[in-house]
Amino acid sequence: MFGESTILLTGGTGSFGHKFVPMILDKYNPKKVIIYSRDEMKQWEMAKKFQGDSRVRFFIGDVRDRDRIYRALDGVDYVVHAAATKIVPTAEYNPFECVKTNVIGAMNLIDACIDKGVKKVVALSTDKASSPVNLYGATKLTSDKLFVAGNSYAGGHDTRFAVVRYGNVMGSRGSVIPFFMSVRDKGVLPITDDRMTRFMISLEQGVELVWHAFEDMEGGEIYVKKIPSMKVTDLGRVVAPDTQQEVVGIRPGEKLHEQMIGAEDAYYTYEYPEHFKILPAINSWDQDANRIKDGTKVPEGFVYASDNNAEWMTDDELRAWIDVNWEKIGAI
């Protein structure tokens, strides 16, 4: 699908971009991959990893800058939108800035992709967009709805938009595994709540979900990968087996359990062997056979959350993953 195509990745110097770029170069050999982001130092560091590969280009820019996005999209076939302000406390204390990036930035990108004739766009979402309790989640829910509605907003243009949603990315910078590793030698492992659970997804799985969305989408779908859950206390025991755990309380804006599909979305949600798909509630698209394909509608009131999950990661599975990925944990 991506052979001889040009792909632009917003926020491309983050954890997702560091995994997406080498994977897509290796599997699809695209004509060009453009990394669009605002941090020149991160671009400089990332460029060293792809030195000599003419397929990888770097473009300094911000999704808030409408004119810059238009310039960056010249000749682009596909876009993956990963740029976001995503640290929950940062968003709570800087709400105007979070809205500018996550909402206004999404609007800028949608307009530019339609006007520039981009074929397909996949935007990355988060579990926090489902029944949001913090500003970050609220802005990502808004962003999701903008990309879904973008398919109608495009009018007679051919640009199509879809969304992928997943939870805690294992080993990514700022996530729980590298945090526990950084404090385990201090003698106490802070646990926000001993009932807390989290979804566990690898970056490779996240990239593959994006590829699936590009191949499957008609426009307006939200794809949710089926992934295992784990109790945070169990995760802490694997990462720091000799360290005492201390419950310190949930932080403002933090959920006890991650949720990726709420009961309100169940009416529009279909199940597949490896994922769920939330179809658009607008324009009767949830009844479109081309979007449903071979899916099975979930029961009324269905909720997909990390505490009611049918699949759980074992201690041995987590240890095996850590052993393989040791050097990369928390690096990007």
C-alpha atoms as a PDB file:
ATOM      1  CA  MET A   1       0.000   0.000   0.000  1.00  0.00           C
ATOM      2  CA  PHE A   2       2.750   2.461   0.918  1.00  0.00           C
ATOM      3  CA  GLY A   3       5.238   1.523  -1.789  1.00  0.00           C
ATOM      4  CA  GLU A   4       6.272   4.557  -3.841  1.00  0.00           C
ATOM      5  CA  SER A   5       4.122   6.753  -1.557  1.00  0.00           C
ATOM      6  CA  THR A   6       5.019   9.771   0.555  1.00  0.00           C
ATOM      7  CA  ILE A   7       3.989   9.623   4.209  1.00  0.00           C
ATOM      8  CA  LEU A   8       4.050  12.506   6.685  1.00  0.00           C
ATOM      9  CA  LEU A   9       4.167  11.853  10.424  1.00  0.00           C
ATOM     10  CA  THR A  10       3.283  14.731  12.766  1.00  0.00           C
ATOM     11  CA  GLY A  11       4.999  14.618  16.138  1.00  0.00           C
ATOM     12  CA  GLY A  12       7.347  12.172  14.488  1.00  0.00           C
ATOM     13  CA  THR A  13      10.236  12.408  16.956  1.00  0.00           C
ATOM     14  CA  GLY A  14       8.238  10.828  19.797  1.00  0.00           C
ATOM     15  CA  SER A  15       8.120   7.189  20.894  1.00  0.00           C
ATOM     16  CA  PHE A  16       5.700   6.199  18.131  1.00  0.00           C
ATOM     17  CA  GLY A  17       7.784   7.831  15.399  1.00  0.00           C
ATOM     18  CA  HIS A  18      10.984   6.103  16.500  1.00  0.00           C
ATOM     19  CA  LYS A  19       9.258   2.750  16.016  1.00  0.00           C
ATOM     20  CA  PHE A  20       7.026   3.629  13.026  1.00  0.00           C
ATOM     21  CA  VAL A  21       9.755   4.962  10.750  1.00  0.00           C
ATOM     22  CA  PRO A  22      12.144   1.964  10.734  1.00  0.00           C
ATOM     23  CA  MET A  23       9.227  -0.483  10.569  1.00  0.00           C
ATOM     24  CA  ILE A  24       7.594   1.152   7.552  1.00  0.00           C
ATOM     25  CA  LEU A  25      10.925   1.612   5.762  1.00  0.00           C
ATOM     26  CA  ASP A  26      11.702  -2.059   6.207  1.00  0.00           C
ATOM     27  CA  LYS A  27       8.288  -3.472   5.301  1.00  0.00           C
ATOM     28  CA  TYR A  28       6.940  -1.137   2.599  1.00  0.00           C
ATOM     29  CA  ASN A  29       9.930   0.792   1.214  1.00  0.00           C
ATOM     30  CA  PRO A  30       7.992   4.055   0.713  1.00  0.00           C
ATOM     31  CA  LYS A  31       9.268   6.797  -1.543  1.00  0.00           C
ATOM     32  CA  LYS A  32       9.558   9.242   1.337  1.00  0.00           C
ATOM     33  CA  VAL A  33       8.779   9.543   5.070  1.00  0.00           C
ATOM     34  CA  ILE A  34       8.568  13.114   6.365  1.00  0.00           C
ATOM     35  CA  ILE A  35       9.047  13.761  10.075  1.00  0.00           C
ATOM     36  CA  TYR A  36       7.088  16.900  10.977  1.00  0.00           C
ATOM     37  CA  SER A  37       7.755  18.226  14.492  1.00  0.00           C
ATOM     38  CA  ARG A  38       8.747  21.383  16.328  1.00  0.00           C
ATOM     39  CA  ASP A  39      11.785  20.248  18.365  1.00  0.00           C
ATOM     40  CA  GLU A  40      14.962  20.754  16.325  1.00  0.00           C
ATOM     41  CA  MET A  41      17.171  18.925  18.833  1.00  0.00           C
ATOM     42  CA  LYS A  42      14.996  15.794  18.750  1.00  0.00           C
ATOM     43  CA  GLN A  43      15.020  15.952  14.956  1.00  0.00           C
ATOM     44  CA  TRP A  44      18.797  16.285  14.912  1.00  0.00           C
ATOM     45  CA  GLU A  45      19.203  13.265  17.203  1.00  0.00           C
ATOM     46  CA  MET A  46      16.726  11.193  15.189  1.00  0.00           C
ATOM     47  CA  ALA A  47      18.293  12.201  11.852  1.00  0.00           C
ATOM     48  CA  LYS A  48      21.588  10.629  12.929  1.00  0.00           C
ATOM     49  CA  LYS A  49      19.857   7.228  13.070  1.00  0.00           C
ATOM     50  CA  PHE A  50      18.789   7.532   9.424  1.00  0.00           C
ATOM     51  CA  GLN A  51      21.857   9.271   8.052  1.00  0.00           C
ATOM     52  CA  GLY A  52      22.373   8.360   4.410  1.00  0.00           C
ATOM     53  CA  ASP A  53      18.779   7.179   3.886  1.00  0.00           C
ATOM     54  CA  SER A  54      17.308   9.549   1.307  1.00  0.00           C
ATOM     55  CA  ARG A  55      13.800   8.284   2.033  1.00  0.00           C
ATOM     56  CA  VAL A  56      13.701  10.022   5.442  1.00  0.00           C
ATOM     57  CA  ARG A  57      13.188  13.789   5.533  1.00  0.00           C
ATOM     58  CA  PHE A  58      12.773  16.222   8.423  1.00  0.00           C
ATOM     59  CA  PHE A  59      10.528  19.267   8.474  1.00  0.00           C
ATOM     60  CA  ILE A  60      10.491  21.715  11.392  1.00  0.00           C
ATOM     61  CA  GLY A  61       6.946  22.859  12.072  1.00  0.00           C
ATOM     62  CA  ASP A  62       4.059  22.997  14.526  1.00  0.00           C
ATOM     63  CA  VAL A  63       0.522  21.721  13.932  1.00  0.00           C
ATOM     64  CA  ARG A  64      -0.642  25.064  15.307  1.00  0.00           C
ATOM     65  CA  ASP A  65       0.938  26.741  12.269  1.00  0.00           C
ATOM     66  CA  ARG A  66      -1.605  26.348   9.478  1.00  0.00           C
ATOM     67  CA  ASP A  67       0.603  27.780   6.733  1.00  0.00           C
ATOM     68  CA  ARG A  68       3.536  25.537   7.644  1.00  0.00           C
ATOM     69  CA  ILE A  69       1.332  22.424   7.514  1.00  0.00           C
ATOM     70  CA  TYR A  70       0.156  23.375   4.030  1.00  0.00           C
ATOM     71  CA  ARG A  71       3.767  23.650   2.863  1.00  0.00           C
ATOM     72  CA  ALA A  72       4.747  20.357   4.482  1.00  0.00           C
ATOM     73  CA  LEU A  73       1.895  18.467   2.789  1.00  0.00           C
ATOM     74  CA  ASP A  74       3.021  19.157  -0.784  1.00  0.00           C
ATOM     75  CA  GLY A  75       2.999  15.795  -2.583  1.00  0.00           C
ATOM     76  CA  VAL A  76       2.014  13.805   0.522  1.00  0.00           C
ATOM     77  CA  ASP A  77      -0.178  10.712   0.051  1.00  0.00           C
ATOM     78  CA  TYR A  78      -0.757   9.559   3.647  1.00  0.00           C
ATOM     79  CA  VAL A  79      -0.587  11.249   7.070  1.00  0.00           C
ATOM     80  CA  VAL A  80      -0.199   9.778  10.554  1.00  0.00           C
ATOM     81  CA  HIS A  81      -1.105  12.345  13.202  1.00  0.00           C
ATOM     82  CA  ALA A  82       0.834  11.682  16.407  1.00  0.00           C
ATOM     83  CA  ALA A  83       1.493  15.265  17.555  1.00  0.00           C
ATOM     84  CA  ALA A  84      -0.146  16.124  20.881  1.00  0.00           C
ATOM     85  CA  THR A  85       0.283  17.748  24.265  1.00  0.00           C
ATOM     86  CA  LYS A  86      -0.268  14.611  26.312  1.00  0.00           C
ATOM     87  CA  ILE A  87       1.109  14.871  29.859  1.00  0.00           C
ATOM     88  CA  VAL A  88      -1.991  15.073  32.085  1.00  0.00           C
ATOM     89  CA  PRO A  89      -0.680  17.501  34.756  1.00  0.00           C
ATOM     90  CA  THR A  90       0.872  19.722  32.054  1.00  0.00           C
ATOM     91  CA  ALA A  91      -2.491  19.960  30.315  1.00  0.00           C
ATOM     92  CA  GLU A  92      -4.285  20.757  33.584  1.00  0.00           C
ATOM     93  CA  TYR A  93      -1.949  23.665  34.341  1.00  0.00           C
ATOM     94  CA  ASN A  94      -1.676  24.874  30.730  1.00  0.00           C
ATOM     95  CA  PRO A  95      -5.155  24.259  29.297  1.00  0.00           C
ATOM     96  CA  PHE A  96      -5.012  26.971  26.623  1.00  0.00           C
ATOM     97  CA  GLU A  97      -1.798  25.479  25.200  1.00  0.00           C
ATOM     98  CA  CYS A  98      -3.229  21.958  25.225  1.00  0.00           C
ATOM     99  CA  VAL A  99      -6.313  23.117  23.302  1.00  0.00           C
ATOM    100  CA  LYS A 100      -4.153  24.941  20.743  1.00  0.00           C
ATOM    101  CA  THR A 101      -2.204  21.781  19.922  1.00  0.00           C
ATOM    102  CA  ASN A 102      -4.763  19.006  20.342  1.00  0.00           C
ATOM    103  CA  VAL A 103      -7.874  20.759  19.017  1.00  0.00           C
ATOM    104  CA  ILE A 104      -6.784  23.702  16.853  1.00  0.00           C
ATOM    105  CA  GLY A 105      -3.878  21.632  15.522  1.00  0.00           C
ATOM    106  CA  ALA A 106      -6.304  18.865  14.508  1.00  0.00           C
ATOM    107  CA  MET A 107      -8.529  21.386  12.728  1.00  0.00           C
ATOM    108  CA  ASN A 108      -5.528  22.826  10.867  1.00  0.00           C
ATOM    109  CA  LEU A 109      -4.400  19.384   9.750  1.00  0.00           C
ATOM    110  CA  ILE A 110      -7.873  18.311   8.591  1.00  0.00           C
ATOM    111  CA  ASP A 111      -8.290  21.458   6.472  1.00  0.00           C
ATOM    112  CA  ALA A 112      -4.808  21.159   4.986  1.00  0.00           C
ATOM    113  CA  CYS A 113      -5.137  17.443   4.164  1.00  0.00           C
ATOM    114  CA  ILE A 114      -8.423  18.020   2.334  1.00  0.00           C
ATOM    115  CA  ASP A 115      -7.097  21.009   0.391  1.00  0.00           C
ATOM    116  CA  LYS A 116      -3.826  19.253  -0.503  1.00  0.00           C
ATOM    117  CA  GLY A 117      -5.533  16.072  -1.684  1.00  0.00           C
ATOM    118  CA  VAL A 118      -4.038  13.687   0.886  1.00  0.00           C
ATOM    119  CA  LYS A 119      -5.529  10.217   0.374  1.00  0.00           C
ATOM    120  CA  LYS A 120      -5.869   8.948   3.930  1.00  0.00           C
ATOM    121  CA  VAL A 121      -5.161  10.209   7.451  1.00  0.00           C
ATOM    122  CA  VAL A 122      -4.930   8.148  10.645  1.00  0.00           C
ATOM    123  CA  ALA A 123      -4.900  10.048  13.950  1.00  0.00           C
ATOM    124  CA  LEU A 124      -3.574   8.547  17.172  1.00  0.00           C
ATOM    125  CA  SER A 125      -5.905   8.709  20.154  1.00  0.00           C
ATOM    126  CA  THR A 126      -5.787   7.523  23.763  1.00  0.00           C
ATOM    127  CA  ASP A 127      -7.827   5.629  26.325  1.00  0.00           C
ATOM    128  CA  LYS A 128      -8.242   8.975  28.103  1.00  0.00           C
ATOM    129  CA  ALA A 129     -10.552  10.119  25.285  1.00  0.00           C
ATOM    130  CA  SER A 130     -13.152   7.554  26.411  1.00  0.00           C
ATOM    131  CA  SER A 131     -15.332   9.088  29.164  1.00  0.00           C
ATOM    132  CA  PRO A 132     -12.644  11.735  29.845  1.00  0.00           C
ATOM    133  CA  VAL A 133     -11.999  13.025  33.368  1.00  0.00           C
ATOM    134  CA  ASN A 134      -9.113  15.382  32.572  1.00  0.00           C
ATOM    135  CA  LEU A 135      -8.428  18.137  30.045  1.00  0.00           C
ATOM    136  CA  TYR A 136      -6.051  16.031  27.964  1.00  0.00           C
ATOM    137  CA  GLY A 137      -8.739  13.374  27.541  1.00  0.00           C
ATOM    138  CA  ALA A 138     -11.358  16.009  26.719  1.00  0.00           C
ATOM    139  CA  THR A 139      -9.174  17.533  23.995  1.00  0.00           C
ATOM    140  CA  LYS A 140      -8.436  14.113  22.509  1.00  0.00           C
ATOM    141  CA  LEU A 141     -12.143  13.226  22.492  1.00  0.00           C
ATOM    142  CA  THR A 142     -12.730  16.503  20.651  1.00  0.00           C
ATOM    143  CA  SER A 143      -9.905  15.658  18.254  1.00  0.00           C
ATOM    144  CA  ASP A 144     -11.359  12.191  17.620  1.00  0.00           C
ATOM    145  CA  LYS A 145     -14.741  13.691  16.768  1.00  0.00           C
ATOM    146  CA  LEU A 146     -13.117  16.240  14.461  1.00  0.00           C
ATOM    147  CA  PHE A 147     -11.327  13.524  12.492  1.00  0.00           C
ATOM    148  CA  VAL A 148     -14.485  11.400  12.309  1.00  0.00           C
ATOM    149  CA  ALA A 149     -16.545  14.362  11.087  1.00  0.00           C
ATOM    150  CA  GLY A 150     -13.728  15.320   8.702  1.00  0.00           C
ATOM    151  CA  ASN A 151     -15.010  12.642   6.332  1.00  0.00           C
ATOM    152  CA  SER A 152     -18.279  14.543   5.963  1.00  0.00           C
ATOM    153  CA  TYR A 153     -16.579  17.928   6.057  1.00  0.00           C
ATOM    154  CA  ALA A 154     -14.411  16.879   3.091  1.00  0.00           C
ATOM    155  CA  GLY A 155     -17.475  17.105   0.843  1.00  0.00           C
ATOM    156  CA  GLY A 156     -16.592  16.036  -2.678  1.00  0.00           C
ATOM    157  CA  HIS A 157     -12.901  15.626  -1.878  1.00  0.00           C
ATOM    158  CA  ASP A 158     -11.467  12.106  -1.607  1.00  0.00           C
ATOM    159  CA  THR A 159      -9.516  12.536   1.659  1.00  0.00           C
ATOM    160  CA  ARG A 160     -10.542  10.021   4.331  1.00  0.00           C
ATOM    161  CA  PHE A 161      -9.873  10.101   8.069  1.00  0.00           C
ATOM    162  CA  ALA A 162      -9.799   7.410  10.783  1.00  0.00           C
ATOM    163  CA  VAL A 163      -8.589   7.117  14.381  1.00  0.00           C
ATOM    164  CA  VAL A 164      -6.702   4.461  16.359  1.00  0.00           C
ATOM    165  CA  ARG A 165      -6.998   4.310  20.135  1.00  0.00           C
ATOM    166  CA  TYR A 166      -4.797   2.480  22.615  1.00  0.00           C
ATOM    167  CA  GLY A 167      -3.648   2.727  26.217  1.00  0.00           C
ATOM    168  CA  ASN A 168      -0.364   2.544  28.101  1.00  0.00           C
ATOM    169  CA  VAL A 169       2.541   1.950  25.687  1.00  0.00           C
ATOM    170  CA  MET A 170       5.013  -0.390  27.331  1.00  0.00           C
ATOM    171  CA  GLY A 171       8.404   1.149  27.988  1.00  0.00           C
ATOM    172  CA  SER A 172       7.714   4.535  26.376  1.00  0.00           C
ATOM    173  CA  ARG A 173       9.255   7.604  27.941  1.00  0.00           C
ATOM    174  CA  GLY A 174       7.226   8.784  30.956  1.00  0.00           C
ATOM    175  CA  SER A 175       5.275   5.516  31.268  1.00  0.00           C
ATOM    176  CA  VAL A 176       5.081   3.338  34.352  1.00  0.00           C
ATOM    177  CA  ILE A 177       7.768   0.719  33.562  1.00  0.00           C
ATOM    178  CA  PRO A 178      10.703   3.153  33.154  1.00  0.00           C
ATOM    179  CA  PHE A 179       9.378   5.155  36.123  1.00  0.00           C
ATOM    180  CA  PHE A 180       9.407   2.094  38.381  1.00  0.00           C
ATOM    181  CA  MET A 181      12.896   1.232  37.143  1.00  0.00           C
ATOM    182  CA  SER A 182      14.131   4.727  37.970  1.00  0.00           C
ATOM    183  CA  VAL A 183      12.931   4.637  41.612  1.00  0.00           C
ATOM    184  CA  ARG A 184      13.274   0.976  42.582  1.00  0.00           C
ATOM    185  CA  ASP A 185      16.696   1.500  44.200  1.00  0.00           C
ATOM    186  CA  LYS A 186      15.205   4.033  46.629  1.00  0.00           C
ATOM    187  CA  GLY A 187      13.602   1.284  48.676  1.00  0.00           C
ATOM    188  CA  VAL A 188       9.964   2.256  48.156  1.00  0.00           C
ATOM    189  CA  LEU A 189       7.834   1.880  45.030  1.00  0.00           C
ATOM    190  CA  PRO A 190       4.985   4.435  44.971  1.00  0.00           C
ATOM    191  CA  ILE A 191       1.670   2.853  43.923  1.00  0.00           C
ATOM    192  CA  THR A 192      -1.223   5.237  43.409  1.00  0.00           C
ATOM    193  CA  ASP A 193      -3.857   2.600  44.268  1.00  0.00           C
ATOM    194  CA  ASP A 194      -3.469  -1.142  44.789  1.00  0.00           C
ATOM    195  CA  ARG A 195      -6.611  -1.787  42.696  1.00  0.00           C
ATOM    196  CA  MET A 196      -5.278   0.093  39.646  1.00  0.00           C
ATOM    197  CA  THR A 197      -5.034  -1.689  36.294  1.00  0.00           C
ATOM    198  CA  ARG A 198      -3.568  -0.682  32.937  1.00  0.00           C
ATOM    199  CA  PHE A 199      -3.691  -1.933  29.353  1.00  0.00           C
ATOM    200  CA  MET A 200      -0.350  -3.147  27.986  1.00  0.00           C
ATOM    201  CA  ILE A 201       0.541  -2.557  24.332  1.00  0.00           C
ATOM    202  CA  SER A 202       3.917  -2.553  22.612  1.00  0.00           C
ATOM    203  CA  LEU A 203       4.962   0.107  20.123  1.00  0.00           C
ATOM    204  CA  GLU A 204       5.109  -2.572  17.426  1.00  0.00           C
ATOM    205  CA  GLN A 205       1.446  -3.389  18.052  1.00  0.00           C
ATOM    206  CA  GLY A 206       0.590   0.306  17.915  1.00  0.00           C
ATOM    207  CA  VAL A 207       2.282   0.687  14.521  1.00  0.00           C
ATOM    208  CA  GLU A 208       0.578  -2.420  13.149  1.00  0.00           C
ATOM    209  CA  LEU A 209      -2.822  -1.081  14.273  1.00  0.00           C
ATOM    210  CA  VAL A 210      -2.168   2.102  12.270  1.00  0.00           C
ATOM    211  CA  TRP A 211      -1.294   0.029   9.196  1.00  0.00           C
ATOM    212  CA  HIS A 212      -4.481  -1.980   9.624  1.00  0.00           C
ATOM    213  CA  ALA A 213      -6.530   1.218   9.876  1.00  0.00           C
ATOM    214  CA  PHE A 214      -5.078   2.515   6.607  1.00  0.00           C
ATOM    215  CA  GLU A 215      -5.892  -0.757   4.833  1.00  0.00           C
ATOM    216  CA  ASP A 216      -9.382  -1.251   6.299  1.00  0.00           C
ATOM    217  CA  MET A 217     -10.851   2.254   6.653  1.00  0.00           C
ATOM    218  CA  GLU A 218     -13.750   3.678   4.701  1.00  0.00           C
ATOM    219  CA  GLY A 219     -13.646   6.850   6.802  1.00  0.00           C
ATOM    220  CA  GLY A 220     -14.691   7.763  10.340  1.00  0.00           C
ATOM    221  CA  GLU A 221     -13.821   4.520  12.137  1.00  0.00           C
ATOM    222  CA  ILE A 222     -12.118   4.405  15.544  1.00  0.00           C
ATOM    223  CA  TYR A 223      -9.967   1.266  15.855  1.00  0.00           C
ATOM    224  CA  VAL A 224      -9.282  -0.235  19.285  1.00  0.00           C
ATOM    225  CA  LYS A 225      -6.686  -2.991  19.574  1.00  0.00           C
ATOM    226  CA  LYS A 226      -7.417  -5.997  21.803  1.00  0.00           C
ATOM    227  CA  ILE A 227      -4.531  -6.042  24.277  1.00  0.00           C
ATOM    228  CA  PRO A 228      -3.887  -7.556  27.723  1.00  0.00           C
ATOM    229  CA  SER A 229      -4.264  -5.825  31.077  1.00  0.00           C
ATOM    230  CA  MET A 230      -2.115  -5.942  34.182  1.00  0.00           C
ATOM    231  CA  LYS A 231      -2.517  -4.814  37.769  1.00  0.00           C
ATOM    232  CA  VAL A 232      -0.050  -2.053  38.612  1.00  0.00           C
ATOM    233  CA  THR A 233       0.934  -3.898  41.808  1.00  0.00           C
ATOM    234  CA  ASP A 234       1.835  -6.981  39.739  1.00  0.00           C
ATOM    235  CA  LEU A 235       3.760  -4.839  37.267  1.00  0.00           C
ATOM    236  CA  GLY A 236       5.689  -3.275  40.151  1.00  0.00           C
ATOM    237  CA  ARG A 237       6.479  -6.682  41.607  1.00  0.00           C
ATOM    238  CA  VAL A 238       7.997  -7.832  38.296  1.00  0.00           C
ATOM    239  CA  VAL A 239      10.031  -4.652  37.730  1.00  0.00           C
ATOM    240  CA  ALA A 240      11.159  -4.272  41.349  1.00  0.00           C
ATOM    241  CA  PRO A 241      10.704  -7.617  43.153  1.00  0.00           C
ATOM    242  CA  ASP A 242      12.775  -6.608  46.178  1.00  0.00           C
ATOM    243  CA  THR A 243      11.239  -3.168  46.669  1.00  0.00           C
ATOM    244  CA  GLN A 244       8.436  -2.401  49.121  1.00  0.00           C
ATOM    245  CA  GLN A 245       5.269  -0.945  47.603  1.00  0.00           C
ATOM    246  CA  GLU A 246       3.584   2.056  49.207  1.00  0.00           C
ATOM    247  CA  VAL A 247       0.126   3.332  48.252  1.00  0.00           C
ATOM    248  CA  VAL A 248       0.338   7.107  47.748  1.00  0.00           C
ATOM    249  CA  GLY A 249      -3.096   7.934  46.302  1.00  0.00           C
ATOM    250  CA  ILE A 250      -4.434   8.717  42.843  1.00  0.00           C
ATOM    251  CA  ARG A 251      -3.174  11.938  41.251  1.00  0.00           C
ATOM    252  CA  PRO A 252      -5.564  14.625  39.973  1.00  0.00           C
ATOM    253  CA  GLY A 253      -7.054  13.618  36.622  1.00  0.00           C
ATOM    254  CA  GLU A 254      -5.899   9.996  36.923  1.00  0.00           C
ATOM    255  CA  LYS A 255      -8.246   7.037  36.392  1.00  0.00           C
ATOM    256  CA  LEU A 256      -8.284   3.886  38.482  1.00  0.00           C
ATOM    257  CA  HIS A 257      -8.734   1.812  35.314  1.00  0.00           C
ATOM    258  CA  GLU A 258      -8.141   2.621  31.656  1.00  0.00           C
ATOM    259  CA  GLN A 259     -11.188   2.587  29.390  1.00  0.00           C
ATOM    260  CA  MET A 260     -11.102   2.530  25.597  1.00  0.00           C
ATOM    261  CA  ILE A 261     -14.775   1.895  24.785  1.00  0.00           C
ATOM    262  CA  GLY A 262     -17.559   3.279  26.958  1.00  0.00           C
ATOM    263  CA  ALA A 263     -21.144   2.064  27.257  1.00  0.00           C
ATOM    264  CA  GLU A 264     -22.319   5.049  25.209  1.00  0.00           C
ATOM    265  CA  ASP A 265     -20.222   3.836  22.252  1.00  0.00           C
ATOM    266  CA  ALA A 266     -21.424   0.223  22.466  1.00  0.00           C
ATOM    267  CA  TYR A 267     -24.356   0.861  20.142  1.00  0.00           C
ATOM    268  CA  TYR A 268     -21.909   1.727  17.340  1.00  0.00           C
ATOM    269  CA  THR A 269     -19.166  -0.816  18.170  1.00  0.00           C
ATOM    270  CA  TYR A 270     -18.308  -4.037  16.345  1.00  0.00           C
ATOM    271  CA  GLU A 271     -15.933  -6.802  17.373  1.00  0.00           C
ATOM    272  CA  TYR A 272     -13.301  -8.534  15.213  1.00  0.00           C
ATOM    273  CA  PRO A 273     -10.733 -11.234  16.041  1.00  0.00           C
ATOM    274  CA  GLU A 274      -7.963  -8.802  17.030  1.00  0.00           C
ATOM    275  CA  HIS A 275      -9.692  -5.451  17.510  1.00  0.00           C
ATOM    276  CA  PHE A 276     -12.891  -3.486  18.011  1.00  0.00           C
ATOM    277  CA  LYS A 277     -14.190  -0.778  15.694  1.00  0.00           C
ATOM    278  CA  ILE A 278     -16.357   2.146  16.786  1.00  0.00           C
ATOM    279  CA  LEU A 279     -18.303   3.314  13.755  1.00  0.00           C
ATOM    280  CA  PRO A 280     -19.416   6.929  13.262  1.00  0.00           C
ATOM    281  CA  ALA A 281     -22.755   7.891  14.795  1.00  0.00           C
ATOM    282  CA  ILE A 282     -23.312  10.490  12.060  1.00  0.00           C
ATOM    283  CA  ASN A 283     -24.853  10.017   8.613  1.00  0.00           C
ATOM    284  CA  SER A 284     -26.007   6.459   9.480  1.00  0.00           C
ATOM    285  CA  TRP A 285     -22.447   5.312   8.783  1.00  0.00           C
ATOM    286  CA  ASP A 286     -22.733   2.807  11.635  1.00  0.00           C
ATOM    287  CA  GLN A 287     -25.121   0.825   9.388  1.00  0.00           C
ATOM    288  CA  ASP A 288     -22.813   0.849   6.356  1.00  0.00           C
ATOM    289  CA  ALA A 289     -21.893  -2.698   5.289  1.00  0.00           C
ATOM    290  CA  ASN A 290     -18.546  -1.517   3.876  1.00  0.00           C
ATOM    291  CA  ARG A 291     -17.566  -0.226   7.319  1.00  0.00           C
ATOM    292  CA  ILE A 292     -19.029  -3.145   9.297  1.00  0.00           C
ATOM    293  CA  LYS A 293     -17.513  -5.850   7.020  1.00  0.00           C
ATOM    294  CA  ASP A 294     -17.447  -9.120   9.003  1.00  0.00           C
ATOM    295  CA  GLY A 295     -17.809  -7.529  12.431  1.00  0.00           C
ATOM    296  CA  THR A 296     -20.147  -8.660  15.199  1.00  0.00           C
ATOM    297  CA  LYS A 297     -22.018  -6.002  17.125  1.00  0.00           C
ATOM    298  CA  VAL A 298     -21.097  -5.897  20.825  1.00  0.00           C
ATOM    299  CA  PRO A 299     -23.820  -6.278  23.469  1.00  0.00           C
ATOM    300  CA  GLU A 300     -25.732  -3.244  24.724  1.00  0.00           C
ATOM    301  CA  GLY A 301     -23.856  -1.571  27.581  1.00  0.00           C
ATOM    302  CA  PHE A 302     -20.525  -3.136  26.563  1.00  0.00           C
ATOM    303  CA  VAL A 303     -17.459  -1.495  28.127  1.00  0.00           C
ATOM    304  CA  TYR A 304     -13.853  -2.289  27.218  1.00  0.00           C
ATOM    305  CA  ALA A 305     -11.742  -1.348  30.222  1.00  0.00           C
ATOM    306  CA  SER A 306      -8.530  -2.623  31.762  1.00  0.00           C
ATOM    307  CA  ASP A 307     -10.322  -4.099  34.788  1.00  0.00           C
ATOM    308  CA  ASN A 308     -12.967  -6.124  32.892  1.00  0.00           C
ATOM    309  CA  ASN A 309     -10.601  -7.384  30.199  1.00  0.00           C
ATOM    310  CA  ALA A 310     -10.715 -11.027  29.148  1.00  0.00           C
ATOM    311  CA  GLU A 311      -6.940 -11.089  28.536  1.00  0.00           C
ATOM    312  CA  TRP A 312      -4.290 -10.521  31.227  1.00  0.00           C
ATOM    313  CA  MET A 313      -0.520 -10.323  30.908  1.00  0.00           C
ATOM    314  CA  THR A 314       1.359 -12.764  33.122  1.00  0.00           C
ATOM    315  CA  ASP A 315       4.479 -11.979  35.129  1.00  0.00           C
ATOM    316  CA  ASP A 316       6.532 -14.239  32.863  1.00  0.00           C
ATOM    317  CA  GLU A 317       5.273 -12.485  29.722  1.00  0.00           C
ATOM    318  CA  LEU A 318       6.252  -9.096  31.122  1.00  0.00           C
ATOM    319  CA  ARG A 319       9.683 -10.372  32.214  1.00  0.00           C
ATOM    320  CA  ALA A 320      10.274 -11.768  28.725  1.00  0.00           C
ATOM    321  CA  TRP A 321       9.319  -8.451  27.148  1.00  0.00           C
ATOM    322  CA  ILE A 322      11.642  -6.524  29.500  1.00  0.00           C
ATOM    323  CA  ASP A 323      14.535  -8.900  28.748  1.00  0.00           C
ATOM    324  CA  VAL A 324      14.161  -8.308  24.991  1.00  0.00           C
ATOM    325  CA  ASN A 325      13.640  -4.540  25.207  1.00  0.00           C
ATOM    326  CA  TRP A 326      15.906  -3.676  28.124  1.00  0.00           C
ATOM    327  CA  GLU A 327      18.123  -1.147  26.359  1.00  0.00           C
ATOM    328  CA  LYS A 328      15.192   0.730  24.773  1.00  0.00           C
ATOM    329  CA  ILE A 329      12.955   1.146  27.828  1.00  0.00           C
ATOM    330  CA  GLY A 330      12.394   4.830  28.575  1.00  0.00           C
ATOM    331  CA  ALA A 331      14.823   5.950  25.883  1.00  0.00           C
ATOM    332  CA  ILE A 332      12.181   7.498  23.619  1.00  0.00           C
END
